[in-house]
Amino acid sequence: MQPEELFQAAQARAAQMDVRRQGMAAALERLRADASALFARIPEPPLYKRADDPAQKAAEALLPEAEKVLAMAFAVTSEPEAPAAAHGIRAAVQAHAEALCHTVSGRLTEAETSWRKALELERAAHPTRSLMSAPPAPPPVFNKATGQSRYDPREAPHAKVKLVCPNTGCKRIGDYDFTPSHAYHRYVCPACNTPFMAYFGELRSLEVEALSSSNRYHFTVDELGGSSARIDFEEASGAEFPAARKDLLAFLYTEARELKVVVNATNGKLMWISPAASCFLATAAFGEGAPELVAFRAFRDEVLRRHGLGRAFIRGYYRHGPGLAEWVVRHPRVRTGVRGVLTLVHRGLKRSGHT
């Protein structure tokens, strides 16, 4: 297959797509995720021809997916409001698709050239690169004009990212500096003056396992210092967390080492961690282990989660519920009033069968 044939097929497919219906931001995020998944599977072209080459077979198997992602890229970049990032992704996908076509057809010299070009375009297109800023160029260690030498410890590159304070009752968003050569950073929130910890890494893979009343997340990340790590937890709010390979993630912990929020510094999305068994206000009103909690959790899982408005309510509740519950516990009269209201709600749930 010639690359032009694949490009024409992708353009014809793009003409049938309507990216405006889902919105440019959602379409771009989908394109970025699908392109990253494709890039991770593309094989290096073989160095010489041989029978039953596994790289050639892998490239042939990827052609349909490459056409699909390229079609999406053509559709997104055909819109006038398409940002520069979309055009960068399209160029990288197109170069990789060209390399795949050459590999399948045995044009190994052309495949090698296209593949190396695609890698450069892929790196340039990833938005994490824009977060990094190199220090200013230092003067030469040896000055030829004066003959003087000096010791020059080069300053490490640094980046500025937006993080949110994970401490209950604050949750202020601010700009923070970090050094990419270190995975762990300790910060102090300027708003509440409370310390917190951040663990940075580039996403390698993300698996989400749907459970009855929560999702179990399995993150595999490459530490910026060089090693890899796996982070697993359950999260009950049902919130979506868009992320793609090589996105820069920050896992934010309180000083008590409790994971509270995950921030995707590449696309600005975040996910608050809500424990699977959390029912904040009811727990504050009735106490942990109270039988009323069973009815409230059943109503959450069997009714609210099945509807968009219900899921939106759950996300808001899990974000603001912990702080509200702490305030209720500190005010006995308020706690009594909340208990009374929730008792009436519980009776209604019992009559409806949510017990």
Protein backbone atom coordinates (compact mmCIF):
# COMPACT_ATOMS: atom_id res chain seq x y z
CA MET A 1 0.00 0.00 0.00
CA GLN A 2 1.16 3.50 -0.82
CA PRO A 3 0.83 6.16 1.91
CA GLU A 4 -1.34 8.31 -0.39
CA GLU A 5 -3.93 5.52 -0.57
CA LEU A 6 -4.21 5.40 3.23
CA PHE A 7 -4.39 9.19 3.42
CA GLN A 8 -7.23 9.30 0.87
CA ALA A 9 -9.15 6.59 2.73
CA ALA A 10 -8.71 8.50 6.00
CA GLN A 11 -9.89 11.77 4.42
CA ALA A 12 -12.99 10.07 3.02
CA ARG A 13 -13.70 8.65 6.46
CA ALA A 14 -13.13 12.06 8.09
CA ALA A 15 -15.77 13.61 5.84
CA GLN A 16 -18.38 11.42 7.57
CA MET A 17 -17.39 12.54 11.07
CA ASP A 18 -19.08 15.35 13.03
CA VAL A 19 -16.65 16.55 15.68
CA ARG A 20 -18.69 19.68 16.44
CA ARG A 21 -21.38 17.60 18.10
CA GLN A 22 -19.03 16.52 20.91
CA GLY A 23 -17.19 19.86 21.11
CA MET A 24 -13.63 20.75 20.16
CA ALA A 25 -12.18 20.20 23.66
CA ALA A 26 -13.65 16.69 23.94
CA ALA A 27 -12.69 15.82 20.36
CA LEU A 28 -9.10 16.96 20.90
CA GLU A 29 -8.80 14.97 24.13
CA ARG A 30 -10.15 11.88 22.40
CA LEU A 31 -7.73 12.36 19.49
CA ARG A 32 -4.81 12.81 21.88
CA ALA A 33 -5.67 9.63 23.80
CA ASP A 34 -6.21 7.50 20.68
CA ALA A 35 -3.04 8.82 19.03
CA SER A 36 -0.99 8.10 22.15
CA ALA A 37 -2.34 4.53 22.27
CA LEU A 38 -1.42 4.07 18.60
CA PHE A 39 2.08 5.49 19.05
CA ALA A 40 2.76 3.06 21.90
CA ARG A 41 2.13 0.05 19.60
CA ILE A 42 3.99 1.13 16.48
CA PRO A 43 7.03 -1.12 15.88
CA GLU A 44 10.45 0.03 14.79
CA PRO A 45 10.98 -0.74 11.08
CA PRO A 46 13.19 -3.78 10.43
CA LEU A 47 16.77 -3.21 9.34
CA TYR A 48 16.66 -5.74 6.50
CA LYS A 49 14.15 -7.86 4.64
CA ARG A 50 13.38 -11.35 5.86
CA ALA A 51 10.53 -13.80 5.55
CA ASP A 52 7.72 -13.60 8.13
CA ASP A 53 9.18 -10.49 9.76
CA PRO A 54 7.25 -9.83 13.04
CA ALA A 55 7.64 -6.05 12.69
CA GLN A 56 6.12 -6.18 9.21
CA LYS A 57 3.19 -8.24 10.48
CA ALA A 58 2.67 -5.86 13.42
CA ALA A 59 2.70 -2.88 11.06
CA GLU A 60 0.12 -4.52 8.78
CA ALA A 61 -2.16 -5.23 11.75
CA LEU A 62 -1.97 -1.56 12.81
CA LEU A 63 -2.97 -0.07 9.43
CA PRO A 64 -6.76 -0.07 10.17
CA GLU A 65 -6.19 1.66 13.51
CA ALA A 66 -3.81 4.17 11.91
CA GLU A 67 -6.43 4.99 9.27
CA LYS A 68 -9.09 5.47 11.96
CA VAL A 69 -6.94 7.80 14.10
CA LEU A 70 -5.74 9.73 11.07
CA ALA A 71 -9.35 10.20 9.96
CA MET A 72 -10.17 11.65 13.36
CA ALA A 73 -7.14 13.93 13.10
CA PHE A 74 -8.25 15.15 9.65
CA ALA A 75 -11.77 15.78 10.98
CA VAL A 76 -10.57 17.76 14.00
CA THR A 77 -8.05 19.88 12.09
CA SER A 78 -10.61 20.69 9.39
CA GLU A 79 -12.45 22.86 11.91
CA PRO A 80 -11.40 26.55 11.90
CA GLU A 81 -11.08 26.65 15.69
CA ALA A 82 -8.75 23.63 15.83
CA PRO A 83 -5.75 24.54 18.04
CA ALA A 84 -2.13 24.14 17.02
CA ALA A 85 -1.89 21.03 19.23
CA ALA A 86 -4.36 19.21 16.97
CA HIS A 87 -2.29 19.98 13.87
CA GLY A 88 0.84 18.72 15.65
CA ILE A 89 -0.87 15.43 16.49
CA ARG A 90 -2.11 15.06 12.91
CA ALA A 91 1.40 15.54 11.52
CA ALA A 92 2.76 12.87 13.88
CA VAL A 93 -0.03 10.39 13.07
CA GLN A 94 0.39 10.99 9.34
CA ALA A 95 4.15 10.38 9.52
CA HIS A 96 3.65 7.18 11.52
CA ALA A 97 1.01 6.01 9.06
CA GLU A 98 3.43 6.66 6.21
CA ALA A 99 6.11 4.63 7.99
CA LEU A 100 3.66 1.74 8.50
CA CYS A 101 2.77 1.69 4.81
CA HIS A 102 6.44 1.60 3.80
CA THR A 103 7.17 -1.15 6.34
CA VAL A 104 4.31 -3.33 5.12
CA SER A 105 5.41 -2.92 1.49
CA GLY A 106 9.05 -3.67 2.26
CA ARG A 107 10.38 -0.17 1.50
CA LEU A 108 12.65 -0.21 4.53
CA THR A 109 14.76 2.87 3.73
CA GLU A 110 11.66 5.02 3.34
CA ALA A 111 10.14 3.39 6.43
CA GLU A 112 13.17 4.27 8.56
CA THR A 113 13.14 7.89 7.37
CA SER A 114 9.39 8.33 7.99
CA TRP A 115 9.56 6.59 11.37
CA ARG A 116 12.35 8.84 12.68
CA LYS A 117 10.50 11.91 11.44
CA ALA A 118 7.36 10.63 13.16
CA LEU A 119 9.18 10.23 16.49
CA GLU A 120 10.34 13.85 16.36
CA LEU A 121 6.84 15.06 15.50
CA GLU A 122 5.37 12.89 18.25
CA ARG A 123 7.69 14.38 20.87
CA ALA A 124 7.06 17.91 19.63
CA ALA A 125 3.28 17.42 19.64
CA HIS A 126 3.02 16.22 23.23
CA PRO A 127 1.88 19.13 25.42
CA THR A 128 4.05 18.08 28.37
CA ARG A 129 7.05 19.48 26.50
CA SER A 130 5.64 22.99 26.83
CA LEU A 131 5.68 22.68 30.63
CA MET A 132 9.45 22.40 30.76
CA SER A 133 11.63 25.48 30.69
CA ALA A 134 15.39 25.30 30.41
CA PRO A 135 17.55 27.62 32.54
CA PRO A 136 19.33 30.48 30.80
CA ALA A 137 22.56 29.54 29.04
CA PRO A 138 25.50 29.98 31.44
CA PRO A 139 28.76 31.67 30.45
CA PRO A 140 31.49 29.32 29.16
CA VAL A 141 33.40 27.28 31.70
CA PHE A 142 36.64 28.29 30.01
CA ASN A 143 36.93 31.85 28.73
CA LYS A 144 39.37 31.92 25.80
CA ALA A 145 39.74 35.69 25.95
CA THR A 146 40.88 35.82 29.58
CA GLY A 147 42.20 32.28 29.95
CA GLN A 148 40.15 31.87 33.14
CA SER A 149 38.30 28.70 34.11
CA ARG A 150 35.46 28.37 36.56
CA TYR A 151 33.32 25.67 38.16
CA ASP A 152 29.89 25.60 36.55
CA PRO A 153 27.24 23.47 38.24
CA ARG A 154 24.45 23.66 35.71
CA GLU A 155 21.01 24.45 37.04
CA ALA A 156 18.50 21.68 36.49
CA PRO A 157 15.54 22.31 34.14
CA HIS A 158 12.37 23.28 35.93
CA ALA A 159 8.67 23.43 35.20
CA LYS A 160 5.67 25.32 36.52
CA VAL A 161 2.40 23.45 36.97
CA LYS A 162 -1.00 24.16 38.46
CA LEU A 163 -1.78 22.03 41.50
CA VAL A 164 -4.61 22.04 44.01
CA CYS A 165 -4.12 21.97 47.77
CA PRO A 166 -5.31 18.50 48.87
CA ASN A 167 -5.99 19.55 52.46
CA THR A 168 -9.62 19.46 53.61
CA GLY A 169 -11.22 22.87 53.71
CA CYS A 170 -8.76 24.54 51.33
CA LYS A 171 -8.55 23.07 47.82
CA ARG A 172 -7.03 26.27 46.42
CA ILE A 173 -5.46 26.04 42.96
CA GLY A 174 -2.07 27.67 42.47
CA ASP A 175 1.14 27.63 40.45
CA TYR A 176 4.00 25.51 41.81
CA ASP A 177 7.56 24.94 40.61
CA PHE A 178 9.09 21.50 40.41
CA THR A 179 12.32 19.96 39.17
CA PRO A 180 11.72 17.18 36.62
CA SER A 181 14.72 15.22 37.90
CA HIS A 182 12.90 14.45 41.19
CA ALA A 183 9.65 12.52 41.57
CA TYR A 184 8.78 13.67 45.12
CA HIS A 185 8.23 17.29 46.08
CA ARG A 186 7.06 18.86 49.33
CA TYR A 187 5.00 22.04 49.14
CA VAL A 188 3.28 24.41 51.54
CA CYS A 189 -0.05 25.84 50.40
CA PRO A 190 0.20 29.65 50.50
CA ALA A 191 -3.53 29.94 51.23
CA CYS A 192 -3.87 27.64 54.27
CA ASN A 193 -0.15 27.39 55.16
CA THR A 194 -0.47 23.58 55.35
CA PRO A 195 2.17 21.24 53.88
CA PHE A 196 1.38 18.56 51.32
CA MET A 197 3.32 16.09 49.17
CA ALA A 198 3.32 15.61 45.39
CA TYR A 199 4.52 12.60 43.44
CA PHE A 200 5.18 13.27 39.74
CA GLY A 201 5.40 10.77 36.91
CA GLU A 202 4.66 10.30 33.24
CA LEU A 203 1.75 7.97 32.54
CA ARG A 204 2.71 4.68 30.95
CA SER A 205 -0.67 2.94 31.21
CA LEU A 206 -4.00 3.28 33.00
CA GLU A 207 -6.50 0.49 33.69
CA VAL A 208 -9.91 1.20 35.19
CA GLU A 209 -11.82 -1.72 36.72
CA ALA A 210 -15.55 -1.06 37.23
CA LEU A 211 -16.84 -2.43 40.54
CA SER A 212 -20.38 -2.44 41.91
CA SER A 213 -20.11 0.88 43.74
CA SER A 214 -16.71 2.25 42.74
CA ASN A 215 -13.90 2.15 40.20
CA ARG A 216 -10.49 0.65 40.87
CA TYR A 217 -7.69 2.57 39.17
CA HIS A 218 -4.35 1.03 38.24
CA PHE A 219 -1.79 3.66 37.23
CA THR A 220 1.63 2.67 35.89
CA VAL A 221 3.91 5.70 35.72
CA ASP A 222 7.52 6.40 34.85
CA GLU A 223 9.12 8.47 37.56
CA LEU A 224 10.82 11.59 36.30
CA GLY A 225 13.90 10.36 38.12
CA GLY A 226 14.07 7.22 35.97
CA SER A 227 12.31 4.24 37.64
CA SER A 228 8.68 3.13 37.28
CA ALA A 229 5.93 2.68 39.84
CA ARG A 230 2.35 1.43 40.14
CA ILE A 231 -0.37 3.26 42.06
CA ASP A 232 -3.69 1.51 42.79
CA PHE A 233 -6.75 2.83 44.60
CA GLU A 234 -10.55 2.69 44.62
CA GLU A 235 -12.61 5.77 43.90
CA ALA A 236 -16.35 6.04 44.49
CA SER A 237 -17.51 9.29 42.89
CA GLY A 238 -17.66 7.88 39.35
CA ALA A 239 -15.76 10.87 37.96
CA GLU A 240 -13.98 10.46 34.63
CA PHE A 241 -10.25 11.12 34.41
CA PRO A 242 -9.05 11.67 30.83
CA ALA A 243 -5.37 10.81 30.45
CA ALA A 244 -3.06 9.62 27.69
CA ARG A 245 0.34 7.99 27.53
CA LYS A 246 3.21 10.29 28.61
CA ASP A 247 0.87 12.76 30.33
CA LEU A 248 2.48 14.37 33.36
CA LEU A 249 0.54 13.31 36.48
CA ALA A 250 0.79 14.58 40.02
CA PHE A 251 -0.51 12.44 42.90
CA LEU A 252 -1.16 14.77 45.83
CA TYR A 253 -1.01 13.57 49.45
CA THR A 254 -1.61 15.16 52.81
CA GLU A 255 1.16 15.05 55.39
CA ALA A 256 -0.60 11.99 56.82
CA ARG A 257 0.23 10.28 53.49
CA GLU A 258 -3.42 10.13 52.38
CA LEU A 259 -3.91 10.32 48.62
CA LYS A 260 -6.52 13.01 48.03
CA VAL A 261 -6.35 14.08 44.38
CA VAL A 262 -4.71 13.18 41.06
CA VAL A 263 -3.86 16.06 38.72
CA ASN A 264 -3.17 15.67 35.01
CA ALA A 265 -0.79 18.58 34.50
CA THR A 266 -0.84 18.03 30.73
CA ASN A 267 -4.55 18.69 30.14
CA GLY A 268 -5.46 20.40 33.43
CA LYS A 269 -7.95 17.73 34.54
CA LEU A 270 -8.10 16.48 38.13
CA MET A 271 -9.86 13.77 40.09
CA TRP A 272 -10.64 13.95 43.79
CA ILE A 273 -10.28 10.59 45.53
CA SER A 274 -13.45 9.56 47.32
CA PRO A 275 -13.11 6.34 49.36
CA ALA A 276 -15.45 3.60 48.22
CA ALA A 277 -17.34 3.45 51.49
CA SER A 278 -17.63 7.19 52.12
CA CYS A 279 -20.97 8.65 53.22
CA PHE A 280 -19.68 11.78 54.91
CA LEU A 281 -22.73 13.60 56.27
CA ALA A 282 -24.55 10.43 57.33
CA THR A 283 -21.42 9.18 59.09
CA ALA A 284 -21.03 12.53 60.87
CA ALA A 285 -24.68 12.47 61.94
CA PHE A 286 -25.15 8.82 62.93
CA GLY A 287 -21.60 7.55 63.47
CA GLU A 288 -19.53 4.97 61.59
CA GLY A 289 -21.26 1.59 61.26
CA ALA A 290 -24.79 2.93 61.74
CA PRO A 291 -27.50 0.89 59.92
CA GLU A 292 -28.78 4.08 58.21
CA LEU A 293 -25.59 4.18 56.13
CA VAL A 294 -26.59 0.99 54.31
CA ALA A 295 -29.75 2.62 52.92
CA PHE A 296 -27.94 5.78 51.81
CA ARG A 297 -25.20 3.83 50.02
CA ALA A 298 -27.77 1.58 48.34
CA PHE A 299 -29.65 4.64 47.10
CA ARG A 300 -26.37 6.07 45.76
CA ASP A 301 -25.45 2.87 43.91
CA GLU A 302 -28.89 1.76 42.69
CA VAL A 303 -30.50 5.11 41.84
CA LEU A 304 -28.13 8.07 41.60
CA ARG A 305 -25.38 6.33 39.62
CA ARG A 306 -27.81 5.37 36.87
CA HIS A 307 -28.54 8.93 35.79
CA GLY A 308 -26.37 11.83 34.62
CA LEU A 309 -27.75 14.29 37.18
CA GLY A 310 -27.29 11.72 39.92
CA ARG A 311 -23.65 11.14 38.98
CA ALA A 312 -23.08 14.90 38.88
CA PHE A 313 -24.55 15.17 42.38
CA ILE A 314 -22.26 12.37 43.61
CA ARG A 315 -19.18 14.10 42.18
CA GLY A 316 -20.09 17.38 43.89
CA TYR A 317 -20.93 15.61 47.14
CA TYR A 318 -17.64 13.71 47.26
CA ARG A 319 -15.72 16.91 46.57
CA HIS A 320 -17.37 19.07 49.24
CA GLY A 321 -18.76 16.43 51.62
CA PRO A 322 -15.63 15.87 53.77
CA GLY A 323 -15.29 19.56 54.69
CA LEU A 324 -19.03 19.88 55.35
CA ALA A 325 -18.99 16.75 57.53
CA GLU A 326 -16.11 18.12 59.62
CA TRP A 327 -18.05 21.35 60.16
CA VAL A 328 -21.14 19.39 61.21
CA VAL A 329 -19.13 17.37 63.76
CA ARG A 330 -17.75 20.58 65.32
CA HIS A 331 -21.26 22.00 65.87
CA PRO A 332 -23.44 19.69 68.01
CA ARG A 333 -26.68 21.58 67.35
CA VAL A 334 -26.15 21.42 63.61
CA ARG A 335 -25.33 17.72 63.93
CA THR A 336 -28.65 17.14 65.73
CA GLY A 337 -30.52 18.97 62.99
CA VAL A 338 -28.78 17.04 60.22
CA ARG A 339 -29.53 13.78 62.02
CA GLY A 340 -33.20 14.71 62.17
CA VAL A 341 -33.39 15.57 58.47
CA LEU A 342 -31.50 12.42 57.45
CA THR A 343 -33.76 10.31 59.67
CA LEU A 344 -36.77 11.52 57.68
CA VAL A 345 -34.92 10.77 54.43
CA HIS A 346 -34.03 7.31 55.74
CA ARG A 347 -37.67 6.56 56.48
CA GLY A 348 -38.53 7.51 52.91
CA LEU A 349 -35.83 5.21 51.59
CA LYS A 350 -37.14 2.35 53.72
CA ARG A 351 -40.61 2.80 52.30
CA SER A 352 -39.16 2.74 48.77
CA GLY A 353 -37.17 -0.43 49.50
CA HIS A 354 -33.62 1.03 49.67
CA THR A 355 -32.57 -0.58 52.96
